Structure formats: C-alpha cells, structure tokens
Amino acid sequence: MQKSEGQNYGSEISRGATAAESKIRTILEARRDSAPDIEAIDPLSVEEMARLEGVEVSALEDKIQERVSLFAEEMESANSYHEDNYAQLMEELYSLYLLSQNNRDIPDDISWIENLRSFDQFCDYFCPDATPHAKAFIGHNVQRFIENVVHPSRDLQVYERTLDLWGNGNRIYDQEGDWVLLPEGFEIMSGYRFAEKKIIEEIRTLVGGNYVSSDYTHAAGSAALNGIAREQAILSAQEAVKAGIKPKTGEFVSYVHQESGKPSTGILNSVYVDRGGPRYGYNIAKWFGEYFVTFGINKERQEEYLRSTDVRYGGYFDNEPGKELSHDTLLNEGTLIGHRVPLSAVDVVYAWKTNEPQVQEWIRLNCPQAKFVSLEAAQILKDHTAVIGKMAQQEGISQEEVWEGLLK
C-alpha cells in the first residue's frame, strides 16, 4: 500500500547528463585529499581533572560540587542551550560518568562518582535545590556535549575551523570506525561530511528495498522507553501525567515557566509529530548514556485506532479539541494526532546506529511489526537524495550503485 506522507527513496536509474557538467565523483576525489582525519579525544583521568581544577584528588569532589552549584544557579535564568564557560565542566562530568560505568570496584576515595550514573542521581547529589528550569537547561548542555563532542552519531560534519568549544571539529570521543567522505554537489564547501561505512551499507539496503519514510515521526529519547513500553503507547505529556508517568522527553521538558520554574502541560494534550521522516529538534538525551529515539507512525493505523476508541484529538486548549487528525498547531510546532498512539501504529523505530542492539531488543518485546532504521541513514538519505541522483545521472547507473561505489 502506498504511503500518503512519506518520501520514497527508490533505486531508479537516471541517464543523460551533459558533458559540460563537472562530475561530482571528480569533486569527491579531490576533496578526499584535503579532508581532515577524524581524531579521538581521550577521557580525562581523575588526576588530570584535579590538576585542571587546581586541587588534590581528595578535594576534587568538593570542587566539582562547587562548580555544579554555580552552573545550576546560572541555569536558573538560562535561555540558551549551552554555555561555553562550562565546556570543561562537561568534559570532566563525562569522564567521571565513564569511570562510574567502567569500574565495578570504585576506589573508596572516589566512591562519590557513583552519583553520576544517571541524571536524577546527579541532580539529587550535586544540585538538590535546582529548579525544574535549571535542571532542564543542565540537560540541554549535556545533550549539546553528547551530540557534538562525544558524537555517538555515525554521521559527522566537520567544519574547517572549530566553531566553539562544543564540537564542530574533527576531534570526538566516539571516533572509532571506518569513516567515508560523502559527496557534495559543489567544489567549494565550508566543511566535510562523513558517515561510518555501516551507515552507507544500510542506506544501500534501504534504497535497494525502495525504502519509504514514515507518514509521521515523533521524536523522543531512550529515557522514555520504559514508560512507553508500560503503556504500550506513546502518550501526550498531559496524558502521561494522568497515568502517573513523569515525562522525561519530548516537548514537555521545554515548556517550563521562566518565573516559577514549574513545567507546564497545559497545551500538551496531544502527541506532536512531524510529517515524513525524522528530523532533529525534540529529541532529548539529557545524560550521558541516553540516546535519541524517534517513532515512525503509520497514519492509516493511527486513524483506525482513533475511530475505534474514545481517544480525543488534541487541540490548542483543553476545552477546544481539534476536529481533524492532520491539524497543525498555531505555532507550527508540529501536527497533532491524538493524545495516545498505540505501539501497533508504529512501523519504524529510528535511533542512532550505535544503539541498534538495545533498540532492536525493545522492538522485539514491544512492537515486533516495526523495523529499525538508523537516524543517520534516514537523515543522510533525505539530505543527499539530490546529489546522489545527480551522480547516478552523470554515470548512467542506479542510485543503489552510487551508494555501493562510495564503499570502494
């Protein structure tokens, strides 16, 4: 059955490029000579952190406590998602988190690092008086560090100069992998885009299978998976609160009253989605080890569910429900599709390729009809359809063959 909203990424053959056109593959070969190597950042040792902070190891806990307290105070009035002043602190917190995960027998003199194993543990121990607003923006800073510096995504964009302390360069923690330079349609570009080889292999399979992006996608994060599994549905923030679930991801965490610091679920009485394949924006990973998850939703199955139940359509306000499934909000923040989406309406679960084993197991247990597609493959397909199509036209081959050729 043909999809009503998704985009088709088929493997048709295009022919007939003009001889005057500069071949994209020629541009790609030239750019390979100037492309930077992707370098690894090593985590800091406890001794290195103490030296950076100007204290003995025995005083590091107090120093970190002091830095986090100041950070939380500043986040009380924050309205941006990252602060350059705290880039070093993020590096230290990440290194401490890794130590808490990798050392089963943590030495007594640094036993306090056990409190970095989760976001809630961290906040309870290091900034127990922080308001929800401050915690939300601490999480935003952590997420920025994860995305740009740890970089679990196997889709990496490197700019010719590092834009800030939060990444966009060629040095990342998760450097290991066989990276492939992606083609661009122009000889002069401001940066380079790489994908790990296994992403290209996945894309080739998707294109060969005439992959079609989902009708709708709902962005979330791994912290929400347990609650979604328990309810066997994706719930709106308001509905989750009614069910006794503390919303951990999605739009909910962004709607925080600046003055009171209290989260609001006032207008979040529907699940918000984008039309078509996944895009970044509402994914949440507020602690190291968390990861992005996006649900691909089948429009027809969601409509069937809505017709068969008393599930209401979300509207602008509680007393003014919308009348149609595809009803855009006033602020153009997404499409409202009802306050509950059963997992039976999910046909794809998108996540970073690195987290495929965990997500595949979650799919097996909760929505076995769904398939896994990496966020990287979906995004690169979306961004590179035009240039890959042009290469196919220039070379008289299929798009699938173009992707295969990038692996050679």
Protein backbone atom coordinates (compact mmCIF):
# COMPACT_ATOMS: atom_id res chain seq x y z
CA MET A 1 0.00 0.00 0.00
CA GLN A 2 1.41 3.38 -0.98
CA LYS A 3 2.33 5.77 1.78
CA SER A 4 0.41 9.03 1.92
CA GLU A 5 3.03 11.21 3.56
CA GLY A 6 6.45 9.54 3.37
CA GLN A 7 9.15 10.09 0.78
CA ASN A 8 10.26 7.25 -1.50
CA TYR A 9 13.98 6.63 -1.90
CA GLY A 10 13.96 4.17 -4.78
CA SER A 11 16.88 2.91 -6.84
CA GLU A 12 15.80 4.05 -10.29
CA ILE A 13 18.44 4.56 -12.97
CA SER A 14 18.94 8.10 -14.30
CA ARG A 15 20.70 8.79 -17.59
CA GLY A 16 21.59 11.67 -19.84
CA ALA A 17 23.94 14.08 -18.04
CA THR A 18 25.54 16.77 -20.20
CA ALA A 19 29.26 16.55 -20.88
CA ALA A 20 29.79 20.12 -19.65
CA GLU A 21 28.81 19.27 -16.10
CA SER A 22 31.58 18.90 -13.53
CA LYS A 23 31.34 15.34 -12.34
CA ILE A 24 30.52 15.03 -8.66
CA ARG A 25 32.74 11.98 -8.30
CA THR A 26 35.69 14.03 -9.58
CA ILE A 27 34.92 16.68 -6.97
CA LEU A 28 34.69 13.98 -4.31
CA GLU A 29 38.10 12.54 -5.21
CA ALA A 30 39.68 15.99 -5.00
CA ARG A 31 38.06 16.71 -1.65
CA ARG A 32 39.38 13.44 -0.21
CA ASP A 33 42.91 14.83 -0.50
CA SER A 34 42.07 17.81 1.71
CA ALA A 35 39.62 16.16 4.12
CA PRO A 36 40.82 16.12 7.73
CA ASP A 37 41.37 12.94 9.70
CA ILE A 38 38.86 12.22 12.44
CA GLU A 39 40.76 12.18 15.72
CA ALA A 40 39.87 10.68 19.08
CA ILE A 41 39.52 12.61 22.33
CA ASP A 42 40.64 10.61 25.34
CA PRO A 43 38.65 10.84 28.59
CA LEU A 44 40.33 12.63 31.46
CA SER A 45 41.76 10.71 34.38
CA VAL A 46 40.89 11.71 37.95
CA GLU A 47 44.43 13.05 38.35
CA GLU A 48 44.11 15.16 35.19
CA MET A 49 40.81 16.61 36.37
CA ALA A 50 42.27 17.50 39.74
CA ARG A 51 45.19 19.22 38.03
CA LEU A 52 42.85 21.22 35.77
CA GLU A 53 40.84 22.31 38.79
CA GLY A 54 43.97 23.16 40.79
CA VAL A 55 43.22 20.80 43.69
CA GLU A 56 44.33 17.46 45.11
CA VAL A 57 42.35 14.35 44.17
CA SER A 58 41.00 14.26 47.71
CA ALA A 59 39.43 17.71 47.16
CA LEU A 60 38.05 17.03 43.68
CA GLU A 61 34.57 16.08 44.92
CA ASP A 62 34.16 19.42 46.72
CA LYS A 63 35.44 21.29 43.67
CA ILE A 64 33.02 19.53 41.33
CA GLN A 65 30.22 20.19 43.81
CA GLU A 66 31.12 23.88 43.81
CA ARG A 67 31.27 24.07 40.01
CA VAL A 68 27.94 22.28 39.57
CA SER A 69 26.24 24.50 42.15
CA LEU A 70 27.36 27.61 40.27
CA PHE A 71 26.30 26.02 36.99
CA ALA A 72 22.82 25.28 38.36
CA GLU A 73 22.50 28.85 39.65
CA GLU A 74 23.35 30.23 36.23
CA MET A 75 20.89 27.89 34.56
CA GLU A 76 18.05 29.36 36.66
CA SER A 77 17.90 32.24 34.20
CA ALA A 78 19.28 30.49 31.13
CA ASN A 79 17.56 30.82 27.80
CA SER A 80 20.18 29.23 25.57
CA TYR A 81 21.11 25.58 25.32
CA HIS A 82 24.83 25.75 26.02
CA GLU A 83 27.35 27.86 27.86
CA ASP A 84 30.98 27.97 26.73
CA ASN A 85 32.06 28.70 30.31
CA TYR A 86 31.06 25.16 31.27
CA ALA A 87 32.58 23.20 28.39
CA GLN A 88 35.44 21.99 30.62
CA LEU A 89 32.99 21.01 33.35
CA MET A 90 31.04 18.93 30.82
CA GLU A 91 34.27 17.20 29.83
CA GLU A 92 35.02 16.39 33.45
CA LEU A 93 31.48 15.17 34.17
CA TYR A 94 31.60 12.92 31.11
CA SER A 95 34.95 11.45 32.17
CA LEU A 96 33.60 10.85 35.68
CA TYR A 97 30.48 9.24 34.22
CA LEU A 98 32.64 6.84 32.20
CA LEU A 99 34.58 5.93 35.32
CA SER A 100 31.32 5.25 37.16
CA GLN A 101 30.25 2.88 34.37
CA ASN A 102 33.54 1.15 33.69
CA ASN A 103 34.80 0.48 37.21
CA ARG A 104 32.83 -2.10 39.13
CA ASP A 105 35.12 -1.71 42.11
CA ILE A 106 35.38 2.03 42.52
CA PRO A 107 38.13 3.06 44.97
CA ASP A 108 36.84 4.45 48.26
CA ASP A 109 38.49 7.84 47.73
CA ILE A 110 36.35 8.48 44.64
CA SER A 111 33.25 6.47 45.59
CA TRP A 112 31.19 9.65 45.10
CA ILE A 113 31.37 9.21 41.32
CA GLU A 114 28.62 6.59 41.65
CA ASN A 115 26.27 9.57 41.78
CA LEU A 116 26.93 10.29 38.11
CA ARG A 117 25.34 7.09 36.84
CA SER A 118 22.05 8.81 35.95
CA PHE A 119 20.71 12.34 35.54
CA ASP A 120 18.41 12.05 38.55
CA GLN A 121 21.22 10.73 40.76
CA PHE A 122 23.46 13.54 39.60
CA CYS A 123 20.90 16.25 40.34
CA ASP A 124 19.93 14.77 43.71
CA TYR A 125 23.54 14.67 44.85
CA PHE A 126 25.20 17.70 43.25
CA CYS A 127 22.36 20.23 42.90
CA PRO A 128 19.39 19.06 45.02
CA ASP A 129 17.87 22.54 45.20
CA ALA A 130 17.90 23.19 41.46
CA THR A 131 14.52 24.10 39.96
CA PRO A 132 12.99 22.16 37.06
CA HIS A 133 14.04 25.03 34.78
CA ALA A 134 17.67 24.80 35.87
CA LYS A 135 17.64 21.01 35.53
CA ALA A 136 16.15 21.27 32.04
CA PHE A 137 18.93 23.58 30.91
CA ILE A 138 21.62 21.49 32.56
CA GLY A 139 20.20 18.65 30.47
CA HIS A 140 20.34 20.82 27.34
CA ASN A 141 24.03 21.48 27.95
CA VAL A 142 24.70 17.77 28.45
CA GLN A 143 22.83 16.99 25.24
CA ARG A 144 24.86 19.51 23.27
CA PHE A 145 28.05 17.90 24.58
CA ILE A 146 26.79 14.41 23.70
CA GLU A 147 25.77 15.39 20.18
CA ASN A 148 28.82 17.43 19.20
CA VAL A 149 31.74 16.22 21.30
CA VAL A 150 31.03 12.63 22.34
CA HIS A 151 29.26 12.24 18.99
CA PRO A 152 27.65 8.79 19.10
CA SER A 153 26.02 9.57 15.75
CA ARG A 154 27.83 7.93 12.86
CA ASP A 155 27.07 10.98 10.70
CA LEU A 156 29.75 13.61 11.28
CA GLN A 157 30.00 17.11 9.83
CA VAL A 158 33.43 18.72 10.20
CA TYR A 159 33.92 22.40 9.56
CA GLU A 160 37.21 23.91 8.50
CA ARG A 161 37.50 25.73 11.78
CA THR A 162 36.13 24.64 15.12
CA LEU A 163 33.19 26.95 15.79
CA ASP A 164 33.26 26.75 19.57
CA LEU A 165 34.24 24.55 22.48
CA TRP A 166 31.28 22.28 21.85
CA GLY A 167 32.43 20.46 18.76
CA ASN A 168 32.02 21.00 15.02
CA GLY A 169 35.65 19.99 14.63
CA ASN A 170 37.34 16.73 13.72
CA ARG A 171 38.02 15.59 17.31
CA ILE A 172 35.35 13.48 19.03
CA TYR A 173 35.24 10.86 21.78
CA ASP A 174 33.47 8.19 19.69
CA GLN A 175 36.00 8.36 16.87
CA GLU A 176 36.42 4.65 16.24
CA GLY A 177 35.01 3.49 12.92
CA ASP A 178 35.59 3.25 9.18
CA TRP A 179 34.57 6.75 8.04
CA VAL A 180 33.53 7.53 4.45
CA LEU A 181 33.55 11.05 2.98
CA LEU A 182 30.17 11.88 1.45
CA PRO A 183 29.85 13.63 -1.91
CA GLU A 184 28.75 17.23 -2.31
CA GLY A 185 27.48 18.94 -5.43
CA PHE A 186 29.93 21.83 -5.32
CA GLU A 187 33.71 22.09 -5.39
CA ILE A 188 33.83 24.79 -2.72
CA MET A 189 32.23 23.74 0.56
CA SER A 190 32.62 25.09 4.08
CA GLY A 191 33.17 21.67 5.58
CA TYR A 192 33.14 17.91 5.16
CA ARG A 193 30.51 15.31 5.94
CA PHE A 194 31.43 11.76 6.85
CA ALA A 195 29.40 8.63 7.54
CA GLU A 196 30.64 5.41 9.02
CA LYS A 197 30.81 2.60 6.49
CA LYS A 198 27.99 0.63 8.10
CA ILE A 199 25.64 3.60 7.56
CA ILE A 200 26.40 3.58 3.83
CA GLU A 201 25.77 -0.17 3.78
CA GLU A 202 22.42 0.37 5.50
CA ILE A 203 21.48 3.13 3.04
CA ARG A 204 22.31 0.88 0.10
CA THR A 205 19.98 -1.77 1.52
CA LEU A 206 17.21 0.76 2.13
CA VAL A 207 17.47 2.19 -1.38
CA GLY A 208 17.54 -1.28 -2.90
CA GLY A 209 14.38 -2.12 -0.96
CA ASN A 210 12.59 1.06 -2.09
CA TYR A 211 12.56 2.48 1.43
CA VAL A 212 9.71 4.88 2.14
CA SER A 213 9.93 7.24 5.09
CA SER A 214 7.20 7.10 7.73
CA ASP A 215 3.96 9.06 7.43
CA TYR A 216 4.62 10.73 10.79
CA THR A 217 7.54 10.76 13.19
CA HIS A 218 7.54 11.54 16.91
CA ALA A 219 10.87 12.45 18.50
CA ALA A 220 11.67 11.19 21.99
CA GLY A 221 14.62 9.74 23.86
CA SER A 222 15.70 6.48 25.44
CA ALA A 223 14.63 7.68 28.90
CA ALA A 224 11.01 7.47 27.72
CA LEU A 225 11.16 3.85 26.52
CA ASN A 226 10.21 2.19 29.82
CA GLY A 227 7.09 4.31 30.20
CA ILE A 228 6.08 3.77 26.57
CA ALA A 229 6.55 0.02 26.99
CA ARG A 230 4.45 0.01 30.17
CA GLU A 231 1.56 1.82 28.49
CA GLN A 232 2.11 0.10 25.12
CA ALA A 233 1.55 3.54 23.67
CA ILE A 234 3.13 6.92 23.13
CA LEU A 235 1.27 9.36 25.37
CA SER A 236 0.96 13.12 25.26
CA ALA A 237 2.67 14.87 28.18
CA GLN A 238 -0.67 15.65 29.77
CA GLU A 239 -1.83 12.05 29.39
CA ALA A 240 1.44 10.74 30.83
CA VAL A 241 0.98 12.86 33.95
CA LYS A 242 -2.55 11.47 34.35
CA ALA A 243 -1.12 7.95 34.11
CA GLY A 244 1.40 8.72 36.85
CA ILE A 245 4.38 8.86 34.50
CA LYS A 246 6.87 11.70 34.82
CA PRO A 247 7.50 12.87 31.24
CA LYS A 248 11.21 12.67 30.56
CA THR A 249 11.47 13.62 26.90
CA GLY A 250 9.69 15.47 24.15
CA GLU A 251 8.10 18.89 24.15
CA PHE A 252 7.17 18.68 27.84
CA VAL A 253 10.63 19.45 29.13
CA SER A 254 10.81 22.63 27.05
CA TYR A 255 7.60 24.11 28.40
CA VAL A 256 8.86 25.47 31.70
CA HIS A 257 7.60 28.68 33.23
CA GLN A 258 10.55 31.05 33.49
CA GLU A 259 9.37 32.62 36.75
CA SER A 260 8.06 29.68 38.74
CA GLY A 261 10.37 27.04 37.31
CA LYS A 262 7.44 24.63 37.10
CA PRO A 263 6.85 22.55 33.97
CA SER A 264 3.55 23.06 32.17
CA THR A 265 1.45 20.51 30.33
CA GLY A 266 -1.30 22.99 29.56
CA ILE A 267 -1.26 22.77 25.77
CA LEU A 268 0.42 19.38 25.53
CA ASN A 269 -2.74 17.30 25.36
CA SER A 270 -1.77 15.67 22.08
CA VAL A 271 1.17 13.74 20.72
CA TYR A 272 3.09 16.06 18.42
CA VAL A 273 4.58 14.67 15.21
CA ASP A 274 6.39 15.77 12.08
CA ARG A 275 5.18 14.68 8.68
CA GLY A 276 7.52 12.33 6.86
CA GLY A 277 10.87 11.07 8.07
CA PRO A 278 12.63 12.07 11.28
CA ARG A 279 14.19 15.43 11.92
CA TYR A 280 16.13 16.69 14.90
CA GLY A 281 14.60 19.17 17.30
CA TYR A 282 12.59 17.47 20.04
CA ASN A 283 14.86 14.51 20.69
CA ILE A 284 16.14 14.52 24.25
CA ALA A 285 19.26 12.93 25.73
CA LYS A 286 19.90 14.81 28.94
CA TRP A 287 22.52 12.47 30.39
CA PHE A 288 25.49 10.52 29.14
CA GLY A 289 24.36 7.08 28.02
CA GLU A 290 20.93 8.29 26.91
CA TYR A 291 20.22 8.40 23.19
CA PHE A 292 17.78 9.70 20.62
CA VAL A 293 14.74 7.63 19.65
CA THR A 294 12.14 8.60 17.05
CA PHE A 295 8.97 6.66 16.30
CA GLY A 296 7.73 6.29 12.73
CA ILE A 297 3.92 6.24 12.85
CA ASN A 298 1.55 4.83 10.24
CA LYS A 299 -1.20 7.37 9.58
CA GLU A 300 -3.81 4.83 8.49
CA ARG A 301 -3.36 2.64 11.58
CA GLN A 302 -3.48 5.66 13.88
CA GLU A 303 -6.72 6.82 12.26
CA GLU A 304 -8.20 3.34 12.67
CA TYR A 305 -7.29 3.40 16.34
CA LEU A 306 -8.81 6.83 16.84
CA ARG A 307 -12.07 5.78 15.18
CA SER A 308 -12.32 2.64 17.31
CA THR A 309 -11.81 4.31 20.70
CA ASP A 310 -12.79 7.40 22.64
CA VAL A 311 -9.33 8.86 22.16
CA ARG A 312 -9.75 12.56 21.56
CA TYR A 313 -7.91 14.72 19.08
CA GLY A 314 -5.57 17.26 20.59
CA GLY A 315 -6.42 20.91 20.24
CA TYR A 316 -4.98 24.23 21.23
CA PHE A 317 -6.66 24.19 24.64
CA ASP A 318 -8.23 21.54 26.85
CA ASN A 319 -11.75 22.81 26.13
CA GLU A 320 -11.25 23.22 22.40
CA PRO A 321 -10.20 19.91 20.86
CA GLY A 322 -9.21 19.83 17.23
CA LYS A 323 -11.53 18.15 14.75
CA GLU A 324 -9.06 16.67 12.28
CA LEU A 325 -6.13 14.30 12.57
CA SER A 326 -3.78 16.40 10.47
CA HIS A 327 -4.28 19.63 12.39
CA ASP A 328 -1.29 21.97 12.58
CA THR A 329 -0.78 24.00 15.71
CA LEU A 330 -0.90 27.78 15.69
CA LEU A 331 2.85 28.00 16.25
CA ASN A 332 3.64 25.44 13.54
CA GLU A 333 5.35 23.21 16.10
CA GLY A 334 4.03 20.01 14.63
CA THR A 335 0.94 18.03 13.77
CA LEU A 336 -1.48 16.80 16.44
CA ILE A 337 -2.59 13.18 16.13
CA GLY A 338 -4.39 12.44 19.40
CA HIS A 339 -3.37 12.04 23.00
CA ARG A 340 -2.41 8.36 22.62
CA VAL A 341 -0.59 6.49 19.84
CA PRO A 342 -0.63 2.70 20.34
CA LEU A 343 2.55 0.84 19.51
CA SER A 344 0.52 -1.10 16.95
CA ALA A 345 0.57 2.11 14.86
CA VAL A 346 4.38 2.27 14.91
CA ASP A 347 6.08 0.85 11.83
CA VAL A 348 9.64 2.15 12.29
CA VAL A 349 11.80 2.94 15.30
CA TYR A 350 14.69 5.25 14.48
CA ALA A 351 17.76 5.62 16.71
CA TRP A 352 21.49 6.11 16.42
CA LYS A 353 23.21 3.14 14.81
CA THR A 354 25.38 2.71 17.90
CA ASN A 355 22.26 1.88 19.93
CA GLU A 356 20.73 -0.56 17.45
CA PRO A 357 21.17 -3.67 19.68
CA GLN A 358 19.22 -2.14 22.60
CA VAL A 359 16.52 -0.74 20.32
CA GLN A 360 16.14 -3.98 18.35
CA GLU A 361 15.55 -5.83 21.62
CA TRP A 362 12.99 -3.21 22.70
CA ILE A 363 11.24 -3.58 19.33
CA ARG A 364 11.17 -7.37 19.69
CA LEU A 365 9.46 -7.11 23.07
CA ASN A 366 7.06 -4.25 22.39
CA CYS A 367 6.26 -3.73 18.71
CA PRO A 368 7.61 -6.63 16.66
CA GLN A 369 5.89 -5.40 13.49
CA ALA A 370 8.22 -2.38 13.42
CA LYS A 371 11.65 -2.28 11.83
CA PHE A 372 14.78 -0.44 12.89
CA VAL A 373 16.23 2.33 10.73
CA SER A 374 19.16 4.38 11.93
CA LEU A 375 18.65 8.11 12.32
CA GLU A 376 21.88 8.62 10.41
CA ALA A 377 20.72 6.64 7.38
CA ALA A 378 17.35 8.39 7.32
CA GLN A 379 18.93 11.85 7.60
CA ILE A 380 21.66 11.27 5.02
CA LEU A 381 19.14 9.81 2.58
CA LYS A 382 16.99 12.89 3.00
CA ASP A 383 19.90 15.32 2.62
CA HIS A 384 21.74 13.53 -0.19
CA THR A 385 18.95 12.34 -2.47
CA ALA A 386 19.56 15.18 -4.94
CA VAL A 387 23.35 14.84 -5.16
CA ILE A 388 23.22 11.04 -5.35
CA GLY A 389 20.56 11.30 -8.05
CA LYS A 390 22.82 13.68 -9.96
CA MET A 391 25.75 11.27 -9.66
CA ALA A 392 23.54 8.45 -10.93
CA GLN A 393 22.54 10.62 -13.88
CA GLN A 394 26.13 11.57 -14.67
CA GLU A 395 27.36 7.98 -14.54
CA GLY A 396 24.34 6.21 -16.02
CA ILE A 397 23.91 3.90 -13.03
CA SER A 398 21.33 3.39 -10.29
CA GLN A 399 21.36 5.28 -7.01
CA GLU A 400 21.97 2.00 -5.22
CA GLU A 401 25.11 1.52 -7.30
CA VAL A 402 26.27 5.03 -6.44
CA TRP A 403 26.00 4.27 -2.72
CA GLU A 404 27.80 0.97 -3.25
CA GLY A 405 30.57 2.79 -5.10
CA LEU A 406 31.23 5.03 -2.12
CA LEU A 407 32.35 1.96 -0.18
CA LYS A 408 35.16 1.16 -2.61
